[in-house]
N, C-alpha and C. Protein backbone atom coordinates (compact mmCIF):
# COMPACT_ATOMS: atom_id res chain seq x y z
N UNK A 1 1.09 -32.34 76.31
CA UNK A 1 2.35 -32.01 76.95
C UNK A 1 2.98 -30.83 76.21
N UNK A 2 3.64 -29.98 77.00
CA UNK A 2 4.29 -28.81 76.43
C UNK A 2 5.64 -28.63 77.10
N UNK A 3 6.68 -28.46 76.31
CA UNK A 3 8.05 -28.27 76.80
C UNK A 3 8.31 -26.78 76.97
N UNK A 4 8.78 -26.37 78.17
CA UNK A 4 9.06 -24.97 78.46
C UNK A 4 10.54 -24.83 78.81
N UNK A 5 11.25 -24.04 78.04
CA UNK A 5 12.68 -23.82 78.28
C UNK A 5 12.88 -22.91 79.47
N UNK A 6 14.05 -23.03 80.11
CA UNK A 6 14.46 -22.14 81.19
C UNK A 6 15.69 -21.38 80.72
N UNK A 7 16.21 -20.48 81.55
CA UNK A 7 17.43 -19.75 81.18
C UNK A 7 18.68 -20.62 81.31
N UNK A 8 18.51 -21.85 81.80
CA UNK A 8 19.62 -22.79 81.96
C UNK A 8 19.66 -23.74 80.76
N UNK A 9 20.80 -23.86 80.13
CA UNK A 9 20.93 -24.74 78.97
C UNK A 9 20.54 -26.18 79.35
N UNK A 10 19.66 -26.77 78.57
CA UNK A 10 19.21 -28.16 78.69
C UNK A 10 18.30 -28.44 79.88
N UNK A 11 18.02 -27.48 80.74
CA UNK A 11 17.07 -27.65 81.85
C UNK A 11 15.71 -27.16 81.38
N UNK A 12 14.68 -28.01 81.50
CA UNK A 12 13.36 -27.57 81.06
C UNK A 12 12.25 -28.19 81.90
N UNK A 13 11.10 -27.54 81.80
CA UNK A 13 9.88 -27.97 82.48
C UNK A 13 8.95 -28.55 81.43
N UNK A 14 8.24 -29.59 81.79
CA UNK A 14 7.22 -30.16 80.91
C UNK A 14 5.87 -29.99 81.62
N UNK A 15 4.96 -29.29 80.95
CA UNK A 15 3.61 -29.13 81.47
C UNK A 15 2.71 -30.18 80.85
N UNK A 16 1.95 -30.84 81.67
CA UNK A 16 0.97 -31.80 81.17
C UNK A 16 -0.39 -31.43 81.71
N UNK A 17 -1.40 -31.87 81.04
CA UNK A 17 -2.75 -31.67 81.55
C UNK A 17 -3.06 -32.77 82.54
N UNK A 18 -3.75 -32.40 83.58
CA UNK A 18 -4.22 -33.38 84.56
C UNK A 18 -5.72 -33.53 84.31
N UNK A 19 -6.13 -34.75 84.00
CA UNK A 19 -7.53 -35.03 83.74
C UNK A 19 -8.17 -35.54 85.03
N UNK A 20 -9.14 -34.79 85.54
CA UNK A 20 -9.76 -35.12 86.81
C UNK A 20 -11.25 -35.41 86.61
N UNK A 21 -11.73 -36.33 87.41
CA UNK A 21 -13.16 -36.54 87.52
C UNK A 21 -13.44 -37.10 88.92
N UNK A 22 -14.64 -37.56 89.15
CA UNK A 22 -14.99 -38.00 90.50
C UNK A 22 -14.22 -39.23 90.96
N UNK A 23 -13.60 -39.96 90.02
CA UNK A 23 -12.83 -41.16 90.37
C UNK A 23 -11.41 -40.84 90.81
N UNK A 24 -10.89 -39.69 90.36
CA UNK A 24 -9.50 -39.34 90.65
C UNK A 24 -8.91 -38.53 89.51
N UNK A 25 -7.65 -38.81 89.16
CA UNK A 25 -6.99 -38.05 88.10
C UNK A 25 -6.06 -38.93 87.27
N UNK A 26 -5.70 -38.41 86.10
CA UNK A 26 -4.80 -39.09 85.18
C UNK A 26 -3.93 -38.02 84.52
N UNK A 27 -2.63 -38.30 84.39
CA UNK A 27 -1.76 -37.40 83.65
C UNK A 27 -0.69 -38.21 82.95
N UNK A 28 -0.25 -37.69 81.81
CA UNK A 28 0.84 -38.32 81.09
C UNK A 28 2.13 -38.04 81.84
N UNK A 29 2.98 -39.05 81.97
CA UNK A 29 4.23 -38.91 82.70
C UNK A 29 5.44 -38.70 81.81
N UNK A 30 5.46 -39.32 80.64
CA UNK A 30 6.69 -39.33 79.86
C UNK A 30 6.39 -39.47 78.37
N UNK A 31 7.09 -38.68 77.56
CA UNK A 31 7.05 -38.83 76.11
C UNK A 31 8.48 -38.72 75.60
N UNK A 32 8.90 -39.72 74.86
CA UNK A 32 10.27 -39.79 74.34
C UNK A 32 10.62 -38.57 73.48
N UNK A 33 9.64 -37.97 72.79
CA UNK A 33 9.93 -36.83 71.92
C UNK A 33 10.41 -35.61 72.72
N UNK A 34 10.11 -35.53 74.01
CA UNK A 34 10.59 -34.43 74.85
C UNK A 34 11.92 -34.76 75.51
N UNK A 35 12.09 -36.00 75.91
CA UNK A 35 13.29 -36.44 76.61
C UNK A 35 14.04 -37.40 75.70
N UNK A 36 14.99 -36.90 74.98
CA UNK A 36 15.72 -37.74 74.02
C UNK A 36 16.95 -38.34 74.68
N UNK A 37 16.78 -38.83 75.88
CA UNK A 37 17.83 -39.47 76.66
C UNK A 37 17.41 -40.90 76.94
N UNK A 38 18.38 -41.74 77.17
CA UNK A 38 18.10 -43.12 77.52
C UNK A 38 17.96 -43.20 79.04
N UNK A 39 16.74 -43.17 79.52
CA UNK A 39 16.49 -43.23 80.96
C UNK A 39 16.40 -44.69 81.37
N UNK A 40 17.38 -45.17 82.15
CA UNK A 40 17.57 -46.60 82.41
C UNK A 40 17.17 -47.03 83.82
N UNK A 41 16.86 -46.08 84.68
CA UNK A 41 16.69 -46.39 86.09
C UNK A 41 15.58 -45.49 86.64
N UNK A 42 14.60 -46.07 87.31
CA UNK A 42 13.55 -45.26 87.94
C UNK A 42 13.51 -45.57 89.42
N UNK A 43 13.08 -44.57 90.17
CA UNK A 43 12.88 -44.77 91.60
C UNK A 43 11.78 -43.85 92.09
N UNK A 44 11.25 -44.18 93.23
CA UNK A 44 10.20 -43.41 93.87
C UNK A 44 10.67 -43.08 95.28
N UNK A 45 10.46 -41.83 95.69
CA UNK A 45 10.81 -41.44 97.06
C UNK A 45 9.59 -40.84 97.75
N UNK A 46 9.57 -40.97 99.06
CA UNK A 46 8.50 -40.40 99.87
C UNK A 46 9.13 -39.51 100.93
N UNK A 47 8.58 -38.32 101.07
CA UNK A 47 9.08 -37.36 102.06
C UNK A 47 7.91 -36.71 102.78
N UNK A 48 8.08 -36.54 104.07
CA UNK A 48 7.07 -35.85 104.86
C UNK A 48 7.23 -34.33 104.71
N UNK A 49 6.27 -33.60 105.24
CA UNK A 49 6.32 -32.14 105.21
C UNK A 49 7.59 -31.65 105.93
N UNK A 50 8.23 -30.65 105.34
CA UNK A 50 9.44 -30.00 105.86
C UNK A 50 10.71 -30.86 105.75
N UNK A 51 10.63 -31.99 105.07
CA UNK A 51 11.84 -32.78 104.80
C UNK A 51 12.53 -32.15 103.59
N UNK A 52 13.81 -31.86 103.77
CA UNK A 52 14.61 -31.31 102.68
C UNK A 52 15.67 -32.33 102.31
N UNK A 53 15.68 -32.73 101.06
CA UNK A 53 16.66 -33.69 100.54
C UNK A 53 17.52 -32.95 99.53
N UNK A 54 18.81 -32.89 99.79
CA UNK A 54 19.70 -32.25 98.82
C UNK A 54 20.55 -31.18 99.45
N UNK A 55 21.34 -30.70 98.64
CA UNK A 55 21.45 -30.73 97.18
C UNK A 55 22.42 -31.84 96.77
N UNK A 56 21.97 -32.78 95.96
CA UNK A 56 22.76 -33.97 95.62
C UNK A 56 23.06 -34.05 94.12
N UNK A 57 24.17 -34.70 93.82
CA UNK A 57 24.51 -35.05 92.45
C UNK A 57 25.54 -36.16 92.46
N UNK A 58 25.70 -36.81 91.34
CA UNK A 58 26.73 -37.83 91.18
C UNK A 58 27.84 -37.22 90.33
N UNK A 59 29.05 -37.22 90.86
CA UNK A 59 30.17 -36.57 90.18
C UNK A 59 30.80 -37.45 89.10
N UNK A 60 31.15 -38.68 89.46
CA UNK A 60 31.85 -39.57 88.52
C UNK A 60 30.90 -40.28 87.57
N UNK A 61 29.69 -40.50 88.00
CA UNK A 61 28.68 -41.16 87.15
C UNK A 61 27.44 -40.28 87.09
N UNK A 62 27.54 -39.14 86.39
CA UNK A 62 26.45 -38.16 86.39
C UNK A 62 25.16 -38.70 85.78
N UNK A 63 24.05 -38.11 86.19
CA UNK A 63 22.73 -38.55 85.74
C UNK A 63 21.92 -37.38 85.17
N UNK A 64 21.21 -37.64 84.09
CA UNK A 64 20.08 -36.80 83.69
C UNK A 64 18.91 -37.33 84.50
N UNK A 65 18.01 -36.44 84.94
CA UNK A 65 16.86 -36.87 85.73
C UNK A 65 15.59 -36.24 85.18
N UNK A 66 14.52 -37.01 85.19
CA UNK A 66 13.20 -36.51 84.84
C UNK A 66 12.31 -36.77 86.03
N UNK A 67 11.76 -35.70 86.63
CA UNK A 67 11.05 -35.80 87.90
C UNK A 67 9.59 -35.40 87.79
N UNK A 68 8.76 -36.08 88.55
CA UNK A 68 7.37 -35.68 88.69
C UNK A 68 6.88 -36.05 90.08
N UNK A 69 5.85 -35.37 90.51
CA UNK A 69 5.25 -35.63 91.81
C UNK A 69 3.99 -36.46 91.60
N UNK A 70 3.95 -37.61 92.26
CA UNK A 70 2.77 -38.47 92.17
C UNK A 70 1.74 -38.12 93.23
N UNK A 71 2.24 -37.62 94.38
CA UNK A 71 1.33 -37.22 95.46
C UNK A 71 1.99 -36.08 96.22
N UNK A 72 1.21 -35.06 96.53
CA UNK A 72 1.71 -33.96 97.34
C UNK A 72 2.23 -32.80 96.52
N UNK A 73 3.16 -32.06 97.14
CA UNK A 73 3.71 -30.86 96.52
C UNK A 73 5.10 -30.63 97.08
N UNK A 74 6.05 -30.31 96.20
CA UNK A 74 7.43 -30.05 96.62
C UNK A 74 7.96 -28.77 96.00
N UNK A 75 8.90 -28.18 96.69
CA UNK A 75 9.73 -27.14 96.10
C UNK A 75 10.94 -27.88 95.55
N UNK A 76 11.12 -27.82 94.26
CA UNK A 76 12.23 -28.50 93.59
C UNK A 76 13.28 -27.45 93.23
N UNK A 77 14.53 -27.70 93.63
CA UNK A 77 15.62 -26.74 93.40
C UNK A 77 16.79 -27.46 92.76
N UNK A 78 17.36 -26.83 91.73
CA UNK A 78 18.57 -27.35 91.10
C UNK A 78 19.61 -26.24 91.04
N UNK A 79 20.89 -26.66 91.12
CA UNK A 79 22.01 -25.72 91.02
C UNK A 79 22.92 -26.20 89.90
N UNK A 80 23.24 -25.30 88.99
CA UNK A 80 24.10 -25.63 87.85
C UNK A 80 25.55 -25.70 88.32
N UNK A 81 26.14 -26.90 88.25
CA UNK A 81 27.54 -27.10 88.63
C UNK A 81 28.39 -27.56 87.44
N UNK A 82 27.92 -27.24 86.24
CA UNK A 82 28.69 -27.54 85.04
C UNK A 82 29.74 -26.44 84.86
N UNK A 83 30.98 -26.82 85.01
CA UNK A 83 32.10 -25.87 85.06
C UNK A 83 32.10 -24.84 83.92
N UNK A 84 31.79 -25.26 82.71
CA UNK A 84 31.85 -24.35 81.55
C UNK A 84 30.53 -23.62 81.27
N UNK A 85 29.54 -23.78 82.14
CA UNK A 85 28.23 -23.20 81.92
C UNK A 85 28.19 -21.70 82.26
N UNK A 86 27.43 -20.95 81.48
CA UNK A 86 27.23 -19.52 81.76
C UNK A 86 26.44 -19.30 83.06
N UNK A 87 25.69 -20.32 83.47
CA UNK A 87 24.87 -20.21 84.67
C UNK A 87 25.47 -20.99 85.85
N UNK A 88 26.78 -21.25 85.80
CA UNK A 88 27.45 -22.01 86.88
C UNK A 88 27.19 -21.34 88.23
N UNK A 89 26.79 -22.14 89.22
CA UNK A 89 26.55 -21.65 90.57
C UNK A 89 25.20 -20.98 90.77
N UNK A 90 24.41 -20.86 89.72
CA UNK A 90 23.07 -20.28 89.80
C UNK A 90 22.05 -21.39 90.05
N UNK A 91 20.91 -21.00 90.62
CA UNK A 91 19.88 -22.00 90.90
C UNK A 91 18.58 -21.68 90.18
N UNK A 92 17.77 -22.73 90.06
CA UNK A 92 16.43 -22.65 89.49
C UNK A 92 15.52 -23.38 90.46
N UNK A 93 14.33 -22.82 90.71
CA UNK A 93 13.39 -23.51 91.58
C UNK A 93 11.99 -23.43 91.01
N UNK A 94 11.21 -24.46 91.35
CA UNK A 94 9.85 -24.59 90.83
C UNK A 94 9.03 -25.44 91.80
N UNK A 95 7.75 -25.17 91.86
CA UNK A 95 6.82 -26.02 92.62
C UNK A 95 6.32 -27.11 91.67
N UNK A 96 6.51 -28.36 92.08
CA UNK A 96 5.94 -29.50 91.36
C UNK A 96 4.89 -30.13 92.27
N UNK A 97 3.76 -30.49 91.69
CA UNK A 97 2.72 -31.11 92.52
C UNK A 97 1.91 -32.09 91.69
N UNK A 98 1.15 -32.91 92.39
CA UNK A 98 0.26 -33.85 91.70
C UNK A 98 -0.81 -33.10 90.92
N UNK A 99 -1.12 -31.89 91.35
CA UNK A 99 -2.21 -31.13 90.74
C UNK A 99 -1.77 -30.24 89.58
N UNK A 100 -0.55 -29.70 89.63
CA UNK A 100 -0.19 -28.71 88.60
C UNK A 100 0.34 -29.32 87.29
N UNK A 101 0.59 -30.63 87.27
CA UNK A 101 0.98 -31.29 86.02
C UNK A 101 2.36 -30.91 85.50
N UNK A 102 3.21 -30.36 86.35
CA UNK A 102 4.56 -29.97 85.91
C UNK A 102 5.57 -31.06 86.24
N UNK A 103 6.48 -31.26 85.31
CA UNK A 103 7.59 -32.19 85.46
C UNK A 103 8.86 -31.38 85.22
N UNK A 104 9.99 -31.88 85.69
CA UNK A 104 11.26 -31.18 85.49
C UNK A 104 12.29 -32.13 84.93
N UNK A 105 12.96 -31.69 83.85
CA UNK A 105 14.10 -32.44 83.32
C UNK A 105 15.36 -31.74 83.79
N UNK A 106 16.20 -32.48 84.52
CA UNK A 106 17.44 -31.95 85.07
C UNK A 106 18.61 -32.63 84.36
N UNK A 107 19.40 -31.87 83.59
CA UNK A 107 20.53 -32.49 82.90
C UNK A 107 21.68 -32.81 83.87
N UNK A 108 22.54 -33.73 83.47
CA UNK A 108 23.71 -34.07 84.29
C UNK A 108 24.51 -32.80 84.56
N UNK A 109 25.14 -32.78 85.73
CA UNK A 109 25.93 -31.62 86.11
C UNK A 109 25.21 -30.64 87.01
N UNK A 110 23.95 -30.93 87.35
CA UNK A 110 23.20 -30.10 88.28
C UNK A 110 23.07 -30.83 89.62
N UNK A 111 23.21 -30.09 90.72
CA UNK A 111 22.86 -30.62 92.04
C UNK A 111 21.36 -30.44 92.19
N UNK A 112 20.71 -31.37 92.86
CA UNK A 112 19.25 -31.38 92.94
C UNK A 112 18.79 -31.53 94.38
N UNK A 113 17.73 -30.80 94.73
CA UNK A 113 17.14 -30.94 96.05
C UNK A 113 15.65 -30.68 96.02
N UNK A 114 14.97 -31.23 97.03
CA UNK A 114 13.52 -31.00 97.15
C UNK A 114 13.17 -30.72 98.61
N UNK A 115 12.10 -29.95 98.78
CA UNK A 115 11.53 -29.69 100.10
C UNK A 115 10.07 -30.12 100.05
N UNK A 116 9.68 -31.06 100.93
CA UNK A 116 8.29 -31.51 101.01
C UNK A 116 7.40 -30.42 101.57
N UNK A 117 6.33 -30.11 100.87
CA UNK A 117 5.42 -29.04 101.29
C UNK A 117 4.08 -29.56 101.80
N UNK A 118 3.72 -30.79 101.46
CA UNK A 118 2.47 -31.39 101.95
C UNK A 118 2.78 -32.45 103.00
N UNK A 119 1.74 -32.95 103.65
CA UNK A 119 1.92 -33.98 104.68
C UNK A 119 2.66 -35.19 104.15
N UNK A 120 2.32 -35.63 102.91
CA UNK A 120 3.00 -36.75 102.26
C UNK A 120 3.32 -36.35 100.83
N UNK A 121 4.57 -36.58 100.41
CA UNK A 121 5.04 -36.19 99.09
C UNK A 121 5.74 -37.37 98.45
N UNK A 122 5.22 -37.80 97.31
CA UNK A 122 5.80 -38.95 96.62
C UNK A 122 6.29 -38.50 95.25
N UNK A 123 7.58 -38.70 95.00
CA UNK A 123 8.22 -38.30 93.74
C UNK A 123 8.62 -39.51 92.92
N UNK A 124 8.53 -39.34 91.61
CA UNK A 124 8.99 -40.36 90.67
C UNK A 124 10.17 -39.77 89.91
N UNK A 125 11.28 -40.50 89.89
CA UNK A 125 12.49 -40.09 89.18
C UNK A 125 12.78 -41.12 88.09
N UNK A 126 13.13 -40.65 86.91
CA UNK A 126 13.67 -41.51 85.86
C UNK A 126 15.07 -40.96 85.57
N UNK A 127 16.08 -41.83 85.59
CA UNK A 127 17.48 -41.38 85.50
C UNK A 127 18.21 -42.06 84.35
N UNK A 128 19.21 -41.38 83.82
CA UNK A 128 19.98 -41.90 82.70
C UNK A 128 21.16 -42.76 83.14
N UNK A 129 21.41 -42.84 84.43
CA UNK A 129 22.51 -43.65 84.94
C UNK A 129 22.08 -44.24 86.28
N UNK A 130 22.66 -45.36 86.64
CA UNK A 130 22.33 -45.99 87.91
C UNK A 130 22.93 -45.21 89.06
N UNK A 131 22.31 -45.32 90.22
CA UNK A 131 22.81 -44.64 91.42
C UNK A 131 24.11 -45.31 91.87
N UNK A 132 25.08 -44.47 92.20
CA UNK A 132 26.37 -44.94 92.71
C UNK A 132 26.70 -44.10 93.94
N UNK A 133 26.49 -44.65 95.12
CA UNK A 133 26.69 -43.89 96.36
C UNK A 133 28.11 -43.38 96.52
N UNK A 134 29.08 -44.06 95.93
CA UNK A 134 30.49 -43.62 96.03
C UNK A 134 30.76 -42.39 95.16
N UNK A 135 29.85 -42.11 94.25
CA UNK A 135 30.01 -40.99 93.33
C UNK A 135 29.21 -39.76 93.78
N UNK A 136 28.44 -39.90 94.87
CA UNK A 136 27.54 -38.83 95.31
C UNK A 136 28.27 -37.68 95.99
N UNK A 137 27.77 -36.49 95.71
CA UNK A 137 28.27 -35.25 96.31
C UNK A 137 27.05 -34.54 96.90
N UNK A 138 27.24 -33.95 98.08
CA UNK A 138 26.18 -33.15 98.69
C UNK A 138 26.68 -31.73 98.93
N UNK A 139 25.90 -30.77 98.47
CA UNK A 139 26.19 -29.34 98.67
C UNK A 139 25.21 -28.84 99.73
N UNK A 140 25.69 -27.98 100.63
CA UNK A 140 24.83 -27.45 101.70
C UNK A 140 23.59 -26.78 101.13
N UNK A 141 22.46 -27.18 101.63
CA UNK A 141 21.18 -26.64 101.19
C UNK A 141 21.07 -25.14 101.47
N UNK A 142 21.74 -24.70 102.55
CA UNK A 142 21.64 -23.30 102.98
C UNK A 142 22.94 -22.53 102.76
N UNK A 143 23.74 -22.95 101.80
CA UNK A 143 25.00 -22.27 101.48
C UNK A 143 24.69 -20.81 101.12
N UNK A 144 25.31 -19.89 101.83
CA UNK A 144 25.03 -18.46 101.61
C UNK A 144 25.44 -17.99 100.22
N UNK A 145 26.41 -18.63 99.60
CA UNK A 145 26.81 -18.25 98.24
C UNK A 145 25.73 -18.57 97.21
N UNK A 146 24.89 -19.55 97.50
CA UNK A 146 23.84 -19.94 96.56
C UNK A 146 22.60 -19.05 96.65
N UNK A 147 22.37 -18.45 97.80
CA UNK A 147 21.24 -17.53 98.00
C UNK A 147 19.88 -18.14 97.63
N UNK A 148 19.66 -19.38 98.06
CA UNK A 148 18.39 -20.05 97.78
C UNK A 148 17.43 -19.78 98.94
N UNK A 149 16.26 -19.24 98.62
CA UNK A 149 15.22 -19.05 99.63
C UNK A 149 14.30 -20.26 99.59
N UNK A 150 14.50 -21.16 100.54
CA UNK A 150 13.70 -22.37 100.62
C UNK A 150 12.36 -22.12 101.33
N UNK A 151 12.25 -20.98 102.02
CA UNK A 151 11.03 -20.67 102.75
C UNK A 151 10.92 -21.39 104.07
N UNK A 152 12.05 -21.89 104.58
CA UNK A 152 12.07 -22.62 105.85
C UNK A 152 13.42 -22.41 106.51
N UNK A 153 13.42 -22.30 107.83
CA UNK A 153 14.68 -22.07 108.57
C UNK A 153 15.28 -23.36 109.11
N UNK A 154 14.42 -24.29 109.56
CA UNK A 154 14.91 -25.53 110.16
C UNK A 154 14.22 -26.75 109.55
N UNK A 155 14.62 -27.12 108.36
CA UNK A 155 14.01 -28.30 107.74
C UNK A 155 14.51 -29.58 108.40
N UNK A 156 13.85 -30.66 108.11
CA UNK A 156 14.29 -31.98 108.56
C UNK A 156 15.26 -32.49 107.50
N UNK A 157 16.52 -32.72 107.90
CA UNK A 157 17.53 -33.15 106.94
C UNK A 157 18.26 -34.40 107.45
N UNK A 158 18.91 -35.09 106.53
CA UNK A 158 19.65 -36.30 106.87
C UNK A 158 21.01 -35.93 107.46
N UNK A 159 21.65 -36.91 108.07
CA UNK A 159 22.99 -36.73 108.60
C UNK A 159 23.95 -36.34 107.48
N UNK A 160 23.81 -36.98 106.34
CA UNK A 160 24.66 -36.68 105.17
C UNK A 160 24.52 -35.20 104.78
N UNK A 161 23.29 -34.71 104.74
CA UNK A 161 23.07 -33.32 104.34
C UNK A 161 23.50 -32.34 105.42
N UNK A 162 23.47 -32.77 106.67
CA UNK A 162 23.94 -31.92 107.77
C UNK A 162 25.43 -31.61 107.62
N UNK A 163 26.18 -32.56 107.05
CA UNK A 163 27.63 -32.40 106.91
C UNK A 163 28.04 -32.18 105.45
N UNK A 164 27.13 -31.70 104.63
CA UNK A 164 27.42 -31.44 103.22
C UNK A 164 28.46 -30.32 103.09
N UNK A 165 29.10 -30.29 101.93
CA UNK A 165 30.13 -29.27 101.69
C UNK A 165 29.51 -28.00 101.11
N UNK A 166 30.24 -26.91 101.25
CA UNK A 166 29.82 -25.65 100.66
C UNK A 166 30.19 -25.64 99.18
N UNK A 167 29.64 -24.70 98.45
CA UNK A 167 29.99 -24.56 97.04
C UNK A 167 31.48 -24.26 96.90
N UNK A 168 32.02 -23.44 97.78
CA UNK A 168 33.46 -23.12 97.74
C UNK A 168 34.31 -24.37 97.95
N UNK A 169 33.91 -25.22 98.88
CA UNK A 169 34.64 -26.47 99.10
C UNK A 169 34.53 -27.37 97.87
N UNK A 170 33.36 -27.42 97.27
CA UNK A 170 33.16 -28.23 96.07
C UNK A 170 34.07 -27.75 94.94
N UNK A 171 34.17 -26.44 94.75
CA UNK A 171 35.02 -25.88 93.70
C UNK A 171 36.48 -26.26 93.90
N UNK A 172 36.93 -26.32 95.14
CA UNK A 172 38.33 -26.64 95.45
C UNK A 172 38.69 -28.07 95.07
N UNK A 173 37.78 -29.01 95.32
CA UNK A 173 38.10 -30.42 95.05
C UNK A 173 37.73 -30.85 93.64
N UNK A 174 37.10 -29.99 92.92
CA UNK A 174 36.67 -30.34 91.57
C UNK A 174 37.87 -30.46 90.71
């Protein structure tokens, strides 16, 4: 495993080797020496191709997240919404897949979203806080102020994401 820093404070990628043979593959998922957070909650999500989930975060009960793809390939996007951050309102994106061995650590204060790129995409999340639906915030995936190129014009999105707020609206209620 190798930890790779990004230009965003506390946001990093972990590269692992994927060991393959005729039976399948094996990769290390987690090492405490890289993630010095108490990850108390895990979940798995499944998304079909062209499903876009996000951009989500918990405002009152923020979470650190450690993500990996168990099957498929996703475009993973995060937006820094930490008010005092030098990179506030900027985004970072990366392809995570079962084959490339990349994981992403997302610190609290970032909105997070994924776009499914394969027929079936299964993600594993480990979080530092439990999910609280009353604390959730959704930012528009296609907010023009964010300038995120998702590579898709009409993704499949949830009703919640269809009515998400803009970054400007988020700033006003913060």
